[in-house]
């Protein structure tokens, strides 16, 4: 049986789970920031997804709080974006 790792080099990995920032999801689906933002807002309003806040070190060296989404949410957002 062949194993496929489509998201092997994608996102942030923690305890075997894959997370993605909004920016990573935008790049994955090649959509503008506002389009993704509107879709995430609707999915949250419908109670279909939740984001998780994490602290990351930004390029300027400062700690920033960033919302990340697990891989299932990234895929759900993609279905919503494409329909």
Protein backbone atom coordinates (compact mmCIF):
# COMPACT_ATOMS: atom_id res chain seq x y z
CA UNK A 1 0.00 0.00 0.00
CA UNK A 2 1.38 3.40 -1.01
CA UNK A 3 1.44 6.21 1.56
CA UNK A 4 0.69 9.74 0.33
CA UNK A 5 1.89 12.75 2.33
CA UNK A 6 0.27 15.66 0.50
CA UNK A 7 0.77 18.12 3.37
CA UNK A 8 4.18 16.88 4.52
CA UNK A 9 5.88 20.28 4.08
CA UNK A 10 2.85 22.41 4.96
CA UNK A 11 2.02 24.35 8.09
CA UNK A 12 3.12 24.10 11.69
CA UNK A 13 3.39 20.65 13.26
CA UNK A 14 2.67 19.96 16.93
CA UNK A 15 2.11 16.55 18.55
CA UNK A 16 1.43 14.91 15.19
CA UNK A 17 -1.18 17.49 14.20
CA UNK A 18 -0.75 20.04 11.40
CA UNK A 19 -1.81 23.68 11.81
CA UNK A 20 -1.82 26.55 9.32
CA UNK A 21 -1.93 30.32 9.64
CA UNK A 22 -4.35 32.38 7.58
CA UNK A 23 -1.43 33.45 5.38
CA UNK A 24 -0.51 29.81 4.68
CA UNK A 25 -4.14 28.98 3.81
CA UNK A 26 -4.31 32.03 1.50
CA UNK A 27 -1.20 30.83 -0.31
CA UNK A 28 -2.46 27.24 -0.49
CA UNK A 29 -5.74 28.25 -2.18
CA UNK A 30 -4.37 31.38 -3.88
CA UNK A 31 -7.12 33.68 -2.59
CA UNK A 32 -7.06 37.28 -1.36
CA UNK A 33 -6.91 38.00 2.37
CA UNK A 34 -10.46 39.42 2.50
CA UNK A 35 -11.97 36.41 0.72
CA UNK A 36 -10.44 33.98 3.21
CA UNK A 37 -11.24 36.25 6.14
CA UNK A 38 -14.93 36.47 5.15
CA UNK A 39 -15.17 32.69 4.74
CA UNK A 40 -13.50 31.98 8.08
CA UNK A 41 -15.83 34.48 9.76
CA UNK A 42 -18.87 32.70 8.26
CA UNK A 43 -17.58 29.25 9.24
CA UNK A 44 -17.00 30.48 12.81
CA UNK A 45 -20.45 32.09 12.95
CA UNK A 46 -22.01 28.80 11.82
CA UNK A 47 -20.08 27.01 14.60
CA UNK A 48 -18.23 24.81 12.11
CA UNK A 49 -14.66 25.82 13.01
CA UNK A 50 -12.54 27.21 15.82
CA UNK A 51 -9.09 28.71 15.61
CA UNK A 52 -6.33 28.34 18.17
CA UNK A 53 -4.12 31.22 19.27
CA UNK A 54 -0.39 30.57 19.52
CA UNK A 55 2.62 32.79 20.15
CA UNK A 56 5.18 33.05 17.37
CA UNK A 57 8.35 35.08 16.96
CA UNK A 58 7.89 37.48 14.04
CA UNK A 59 10.61 38.50 11.58
CA UNK A 60 11.22 41.64 13.66
CA UNK A 61 12.03 39.43 16.67
CA UNK A 62 8.87 40.31 18.62
CA UNK A 63 6.40 37.78 19.98
CA UNK A 64 3.06 37.90 18.19
CA UNK A 65 -0.17 36.06 18.90
CA UNK A 66 -1.33 34.31 15.73
CA UNK A 67 -4.52 32.38 15.06
CA UNK A 68 -3.90 28.97 13.52
CA UNK A 69 -6.26 26.34 12.21
CA UNK A 70 -5.86 22.57 12.08
CA UNK A 71 -5.61 20.81 8.75
CA UNK A 72 -9.30 19.79 8.76
CA UNK A 73 -10.29 23.46 9.06
CA UNK A 74 -7.92 24.44 6.25
CA UNK A 75 -9.56 21.82 4.03
CA UNK A 76 -13.09 22.93 5.07
CA UNK A 77 -12.18 26.53 4.22
CA UNK A 78 -10.97 25.35 0.82
CA UNK A 79 -14.29 23.62 0.09
CA UNK A 80 -16.16 26.77 1.10
CA UNK A 81 -13.87 28.94 -1.05
CA UNK A 82 -14.30 26.74 -4.12
CA UNK A 83 -18.08 26.33 -3.91
